[in-house]
Amino acid sequence: MDQVIPSEVILPRILITRGKRVMLDRDLAEPYGVATKVLNQAVKRNIRRFPMDFMFQLTKSEQLGLVTICDRFKSLKHSSSQSYAFTEQGVAMLSSVLNSERAIMVNIQIMRAFTQLRRMIFTNVDFRRKIEAMERKYDKQFAIVFQAIKELLTPSPSKEKKIIGFRVE
């Protein structure tokens, strides 16, 4: 039971909301092997362990925004309750609330995924700095190459989707 779930499964479940990397209660409940309701009840029983920088409840507009960008959140569209979002520290605190062997193993994997994500972000920033240092160091003859590399590192803006089908005006 070294690896309950691989980090490739966890990483896509880490979202950025309110400028923080978080995981939703429903995405945490599944690997822990409990229902979302059970996870939230355990958290509410130990609410003092979860300050606002560890966990917060999504607003209705934030929740609808998630539904808009990701198909796996369709069930949240008509949900009467708002989901909870757990920061990295909140996920770590969950291991003390959900006290089982599986919870401990899942928590370790999630912490490793957060660390891996942090490492990937740092590597990208570090790589950009190295390119800029090389650009300052070498002649302008390589300016085109450096510009092309910078464009590859910059995320492309989302393109406007064309509407398909017949529209009545």
C-alpha atoms as a PDB file:
ATOM      1  CA  MET A   1       0.000   0.000   0.000  1.00  0.00           C
ATOM      2  CA  ASP A   2       2.921   2.306  -0.808  1.00  0.00           C
ATOM      3  CA  GLN A   3       0.967   4.356  -3.281  1.00  0.00           C
ATOM      4  CA  VAL A   4      -2.801   4.505  -2.827  1.00  0.00           C
ATOM      5  CA  ILE A   5      -3.292   6.777  -5.845  1.00  0.00           C
ATOM      6  CA  PRO A   6      -0.650   8.070  -8.238  1.00  0.00           C
ATOM      7  CA  SER A   7       0.239  11.770  -8.303  1.00  0.00           C
ATOM      8  CA  GLU A   8      -0.872  11.892 -11.959  1.00  0.00           C
ATOM      9  CA  VAL A   9      -4.421  11.441 -10.678  1.00  0.00           C
ATOM     10  CA  ILE A  10      -4.032  14.001  -7.872  1.00  0.00           C
ATOM     11  CA  LEU A  11      -2.319  16.823  -9.803  1.00  0.00           C
ATOM     12  CA  PRO A  12      -5.286  17.616 -12.101  1.00  0.00           C
ATOM     13  CA  ARG A  13      -7.515  17.895  -9.043  1.00  0.00           C
ATOM     14  CA  ILE A  14      -5.441  20.751  -7.604  1.00  0.00           C
ATOM     15  CA  LEU A  15      -7.149  23.979  -8.601  1.00  0.00           C
ATOM     16  CA  ILE A  16      -6.263  27.623  -8.162  1.00  0.00           C
ATOM     17  CA  THR A  17      -9.031  29.549  -6.435  1.00  0.00           C
ATOM     18  CA  ARG A  18      -8.691  32.926  -4.722  1.00  0.00           C
ATOM     19  CA  GLY A  19      -5.015  32.831  -5.631  1.00  0.00           C
ATOM     20  CA  LYS A  20      -4.403  29.613  -3.653  1.00  0.00           C
ATOM     21  CA  ARG A  21      -3.786  26.045  -4.750  1.00  0.00           C
ATOM     22  CA  VAL A  22      -6.682  24.027  -3.343  1.00  0.00           C
ATOM     23  CA  MET A  23      -8.514  20.724  -3.577  1.00  0.00           C
ATOM     24  CA  LEU A  24     -12.280  20.472  -3.277  1.00  0.00           C
ATOM     25  CA  ASP A  25     -13.977  18.361  -0.637  1.00  0.00           C
ATOM     26  CA  ARG A  26     -15.461  16.025  -3.261  1.00  0.00           C
ATOM     27  CA  ASP A  27     -12.021  15.441  -4.833  1.00  0.00           C
ATOM     28  CA  LEU A  28     -10.562  14.631  -1.412  1.00  0.00           C
ATOM     29  CA  ALA A  29     -13.389  12.381  -0.215  1.00  0.00           C
ATOM     30  CA  GLU A  30     -12.995   9.922  -3.093  1.00  0.00           C
ATOM     31  CA  PRO A  31      -9.358   8.877  -2.462  1.00  0.00           C
ATOM     32  CA  TYR A  32      -9.948   8.845   1.293  1.00  0.00           C
ATOM     33  CA  GLY A  33     -12.720   6.317   0.652  1.00  0.00           C
ATOM     34  CA  VAL A  34     -15.460   8.323   2.381  1.00  0.00           C
ATOM     35  CA  ALA A  35     -18.512  10.200   1.163  1.00  0.00           C
ATOM     36  CA  THR A  36     -18.163  13.968   0.764  1.00  0.00           C
ATOM     37  CA  LYS A  37     -20.836  14.414   3.426  1.00  0.00           C
ATOM     38  CA  VAL A  38     -18.853  12.288   5.908  1.00  0.00           C
ATOM     39  CA  LEU A  39     -15.661  14.255   5.210  1.00  0.00           C
ATOM     40  CA  ASN A  40     -17.461  17.572   5.727  1.00  0.00           C
ATOM     41  CA  GLN A  41     -19.078  16.314   8.950  1.00  0.00           C
ATOM     42  CA  ALA A  42     -15.659  15.316  10.319  1.00  0.00           C
ATOM     43  CA  VAL A  43     -14.317  18.752   9.427  1.00  0.00           C
ATOM     44  CA  LYS A  44     -17.285  20.530  11.049  1.00  0.00           C
ATOM     45  CA  ARG A  45     -16.807  18.493  14.245  1.00  0.00           C
ATOM     46  CA  ASN A  46     -13.207  19.767  14.322  1.00  0.00           C
ATOM     47  CA  ILE A  47     -13.760  23.217  12.825  1.00  0.00           C
ATOM     48  CA  ARG A  48     -11.178  24.864  15.112  1.00  0.00           C
ATOM     49  CA  ARG A  49      -8.469  22.942  13.246  1.00  0.00           C
ATOM     50  CA  PHE A  50      -9.444  24.608   9.943  1.00  0.00           C
ATOM     51  CA  PRO A  51      -8.945  28.388   9.938  1.00  0.00           C
ATOM     52  CA  MET A  52      -9.692  30.409   6.779  1.00  0.00           C
ATOM     53  CA  ASP A  53      -6.176  29.916   5.383  1.00  0.00           C
ATOM     54  CA  PHE A  54      -6.610  26.119   5.647  1.00  0.00           C
ATOM     55  CA  MET A  55     -10.162  25.809   4.300  1.00  0.00           C
ATOM     56  CA  PHE A  56     -12.891  28.044   2.916  1.00  0.00           C
ATOM     57  CA  GLN A  57     -16.315  27.569   1.401  1.00  0.00           C
ATOM     58  CA  LEU A  58     -16.745  28.460  -2.257  1.00  0.00           C
ATOM     59  CA  THR A  59     -19.261  31.128  -3.146  1.00  0.00           C
ATOM     60  CA  LYS A  60     -22.084  30.220  -5.518  1.00  0.00           C
ATOM     61  CA  SER A  61     -20.409  32.217  -8.324  1.00  0.00           C
ATOM     62  CA  GLU A  62     -17.053  30.470  -7.765  1.00  0.00           C
ATOM     63  CA  GLN A  63     -18.795  27.114  -7.865  1.00  0.00           C
ATOM     64  CA  LEU A  64     -20.638  27.993 -11.091  1.00  0.00           C
ATOM     65  CA  GLY A  65     -17.323  29.181 -12.538  1.00  0.00           C
ATOM     66  CA  LEU A  66     -15.859  25.726 -11.896  1.00  0.00           C
ATOM     67  CA  VAL A  67     -18.865  24.120 -13.578  1.00  0.00           C
ATOM     68  CA  THR A  68     -18.272  26.338 -16.608  1.00  0.00           C
ATOM     69  CA  ILE A  69     -14.604  25.416 -17.055  1.00  0.00           C
ATOM     70  CA  CYS A  70     -14.652  21.736 -16.148  1.00  0.00           C
ATOM     71  CA  ASP A  71     -17.119  18.987 -17.077  1.00  0.00           C
ATOM     72  CA  ARG A  72     -16.388  16.898 -13.997  1.00  0.00           C
ATOM     73  CA  PHE A  73     -18.105  19.541 -11.836  1.00  0.00           C
ATOM     74  CA  LYS A  74     -21.478  19.325 -13.628  1.00  0.00           C
ATOM     75  CA  SER A  75     -23.120  17.886 -10.519  1.00  0.00           C
ATOM     76  CA  LEU A  76     -22.246  21.091  -8.630  1.00  0.00           C
ATOM     77  CA  LYS A  77     -24.387  23.182 -10.986  1.00  0.00           C
ATOM     78  CA  HIS A  78     -27.665  22.489  -9.197  1.00  0.00           C
ATOM     79  CA  SER A  79     -26.197  21.620  -5.802  1.00  0.00           C
ATOM     80  CA  SER A  80     -27.876  23.314  -2.841  1.00  0.00           C
ATOM     81  CA  SER A  81     -24.650  23.415  -0.820  1.00  0.00           C
ATOM     82  CA  GLN A  82     -21.357  25.103  -1.597  1.00  0.00           C
ATOM     83  CA  SER A  83     -18.212  22.998  -1.716  1.00  0.00           C
ATOM     84  CA  TYR A  84     -15.299  23.428   0.650  1.00  0.00           C
ATOM     85  CA  ALA A  85     -11.832  24.133  -0.731  1.00  0.00           C
ATOM     86  CA  PHE A  86      -8.802  22.909   1.250  1.00  0.00           C
ATOM     87  CA  THR A  87      -5.366  24.476   0.914  1.00  0.00           C
ATOM     88  CA  GLU A  88      -2.228  22.379   1.300  1.00  0.00           C
ATOM     89  CA  GLN A  89      -2.240  23.006   5.059  1.00  0.00           C
ATOM     90  CA  GLY A  90      -5.917  22.065   5.236  1.00  0.00           C
ATOM     91  CA  VAL A  91      -5.228  18.786   3.468  1.00  0.00           C
ATOM     92  CA  ALA A  92      -2.449  18.101   5.974  1.00  0.00           C
ATOM     93  CA  MET A  93      -4.867  18.802   8.819  1.00  0.00           C
ATOM     94  CA  LEU A  94      -7.367  16.317   7.346  1.00  0.00           C
ATOM     95  CA  SER A  95      -5.028  13.470   8.292  1.00  0.00           C
ATOM     96  CA  SER A  96      -5.613  14.258  11.964  1.00  0.00           C
ATOM     97  CA  VAL A  97      -9.399  14.426  11.482  1.00  0.00           C
ATOM     98  CA  LEU A  98      -9.735  11.314   9.324  1.00  0.00           C
ATOM     99  CA  ASN A  99      -7.716   8.943  11.438  1.00  0.00           C
ATOM    100  CA  SER A 100      -7.348   5.750   9.431  1.00  0.00           C
ATOM    101  CA  GLU A 101      -4.475   3.964   7.731  1.00  0.00           C
ATOM    102  CA  ARG A 102      -5.885   4.797   4.296  1.00  0.00           C
ATOM    103  CA  ALA A 103      -6.252   8.476   5.246  1.00  0.00           C
ATOM    104  CA  ILE A 104      -2.601   8.627   6.245  1.00  0.00           C
ATOM    105  CA  MET A 105      -1.423   7.034   2.983  1.00  0.00           C
ATOM    106  CA  VAL A 106      -3.662   9.232   0.821  1.00  0.00           C
ATOM    107  CA  ASN A 107      -2.533  12.308   2.719  1.00  0.00           C
ATOM    108  CA  ILE A 108       1.127  11.474   2.069  1.00  0.00           C
ATOM    109  CA  GLN A 109       0.409  11.128  -1.660  1.00  0.00           C
ATOM    110  CA  ILE A 110      -1.459  14.428  -1.788  1.00  0.00           C
ATOM    111  CA  MET A 111       1.367  16.210   0.042  1.00  0.00           C
ATOM    112  CA  ARG A 112       3.819  14.756  -2.501  1.00  0.00           C
ATOM    113  CA  ALA A 113       1.613  16.029  -5.350  1.00  0.00           C
ATOM    114  CA  PHE A 114       1.547  19.555  -3.893  1.00  0.00           C
ATOM    115  CA  THR A 115       5.340  19.420  -3.550  1.00  0.00           C
ATOM    116  CA  GLN A 116       5.722  18.181  -7.127  1.00  0.00           C
ATOM    117  CA  LEU A 117       3.498  21.013  -8.379  1.00  0.00           C
ATOM    118  CA  ARG A 118       5.530  23.564  -6.415  1.00  0.00           C
ATOM    119  CA  ARG A 119       8.736  22.120  -7.868  1.00  0.00           C
ATOM    120  CA  MET A 120       7.366  22.316 -11.435  1.00  0.00           C
ATOM    121  CA  ILE A 121       6.370  25.965 -10.967  1.00  0.00           C
ATOM    122  CA  PHE A 122       9.779  26.827  -9.491  1.00  0.00           C
ATOM    123  CA  THR A 123      11.582  25.012 -12.315  1.00  0.00           C
ATOM    124  CA  ASN A 124       9.676  26.979 -14.953  1.00  0.00           C
ATOM    125  CA  VAL A 125      10.530  30.316 -13.263  1.00  0.00           C
ATOM    126  CA  ASP A 126      14.145  29.248 -12.821  1.00  0.00           C
ATOM    127  CA  PHE A 127      14.343  28.221 -16.492  1.00  0.00           C
ATOM    128  CA  ARG A 128      12.983  31.621 -17.582  1.00  0.00           C
ATOM    129  CA  ARG A 129      15.619  33.409 -15.452  1.00  0.00           C
ATOM    130  CA  LYS A 130      18.396  31.342 -17.008  1.00  0.00           C
ATOM    131  CA  ILE A 131      17.204  32.179 -20.518  1.00  0.00           C
ATOM    132  CA  GLU A 132      17.064  35.893 -19.690  1.00  0.00           C
ATOM    133  CA  ALA A 133      20.595  35.728 -18.253  1.00  0.00           C
ATOM    134  CA  MET A 134      21.832  34.019 -21.422  1.00  0.00           C
ATOM    135  CA  GLU A 135      20.051  36.618 -23.529  1.00  0.00           C
ATOM    136  CA  ARG A 136      21.851  39.448 -21.721  1.00  0.00           C
ATOM    137  CA  LYS A 137      25.158  37.634 -22.015  1.00  0.00           C
ATOM    138  CA  TYR A 138      25.140  36.772 -25.733  1.00  0.00           C
ATOM    139  CA  ASP A 139      24.924  38.913 -28.849  1.00  0.00           C
ATOM    140  CA  LYS A 140      21.729  40.013 -30.497  1.00  0.00           C
ATOM    141  CA  GLN A 141      22.247  37.273 -33.088  1.00  0.00           C
ATOM    142  CA  PHE A 142      20.382  34.895 -30.792  1.00  0.00           C
ATOM    143  CA  ALA A 143      17.550  37.341 -30.027  1.00  0.00           C
ATOM    144  CA  ILE A 144      15.148  35.516 -32.346  1.00  0.00           C
ATOM    145  CA  VAL A 145      15.851  32.169 -30.661  1.00  0.00           C
ATOM    146  CA  PHE A 146      15.343  33.631 -27.190  1.00  0.00           C
ATOM    147  CA  GLN A 147      12.110  35.329 -28.275  1.00  0.00           C
ATOM    148  CA  ALA A 148      10.785  32.021 -29.621  1.00  0.00           C
ATOM    149  CA  ILE A 149      11.638  30.234 -26.354  1.00  0.00           C
ATOM    150  CA  LYS A 150       9.910  32.968 -24.316  1.00  0.00           C
ATOM    151  CA  GLU A 151       6.785  32.619 -26.454  1.00  0.00           C
ATOM    152  CA  LEU A 152       6.764  28.871 -25.811  1.00  0.00           C
ATOM    153  CA  LEU A 153       6.980  29.467 -22.044  1.00  0.00           C
ATOM    154  CA  THR A 154       4.162  32.030 -22.012  1.00  0.00           C
ATOM    155  CA  PRO A 155       0.690  30.479 -21.777  1.00  0.00           C
ATOM    156  CA  SER A 156      -1.410  31.248 -24.820  1.00  0.00           C
ATOM    157  CA  PRO A 157      -4.589  33.274 -24.307  1.00  0.00           C
ATOM    158  CA  SER A 158      -7.763  31.271 -24.623  1.00  0.00           C
ATOM    159  CA  LYS A 159      -9.273  31.579 -28.074  1.00  0.00           C
ATOM    160  CA  GLU A 160     -12.888  32.565 -28.555  1.00  0.00           C
ATOM    161  CA  LYS A 161     -14.916  29.499 -29.419  1.00  0.00           C
ATOM    162  CA  LYS A 162     -17.016  29.615 -32.544  1.00  0.00           C
ATOM    163  CA  ILE A 163     -20.678  28.835 -32.104  1.00  0.00           C
ATOM    164  CA  ILE A 164     -21.740  25.833 -34.131  1.00  0.00           C
ATOM    165  CA  GLY A 165     -25.269  25.343 -35.297  1.00  0.00           C
ATOM    166  CA  PHE A 166     -28.273  27.312 -36.374  1.00  0.00           C
ATOM    167  CA  ARG A 167     -29.168  30.527 -34.536  1.00  0.00           C
ATOM    168  CA  VAL A 168     -32.532  32.242 -34.715  1.00  0.00           C
ATOM    169  CA  GLU A 169     -32.350  36.018 -34.447  1.00  0.00           C
END
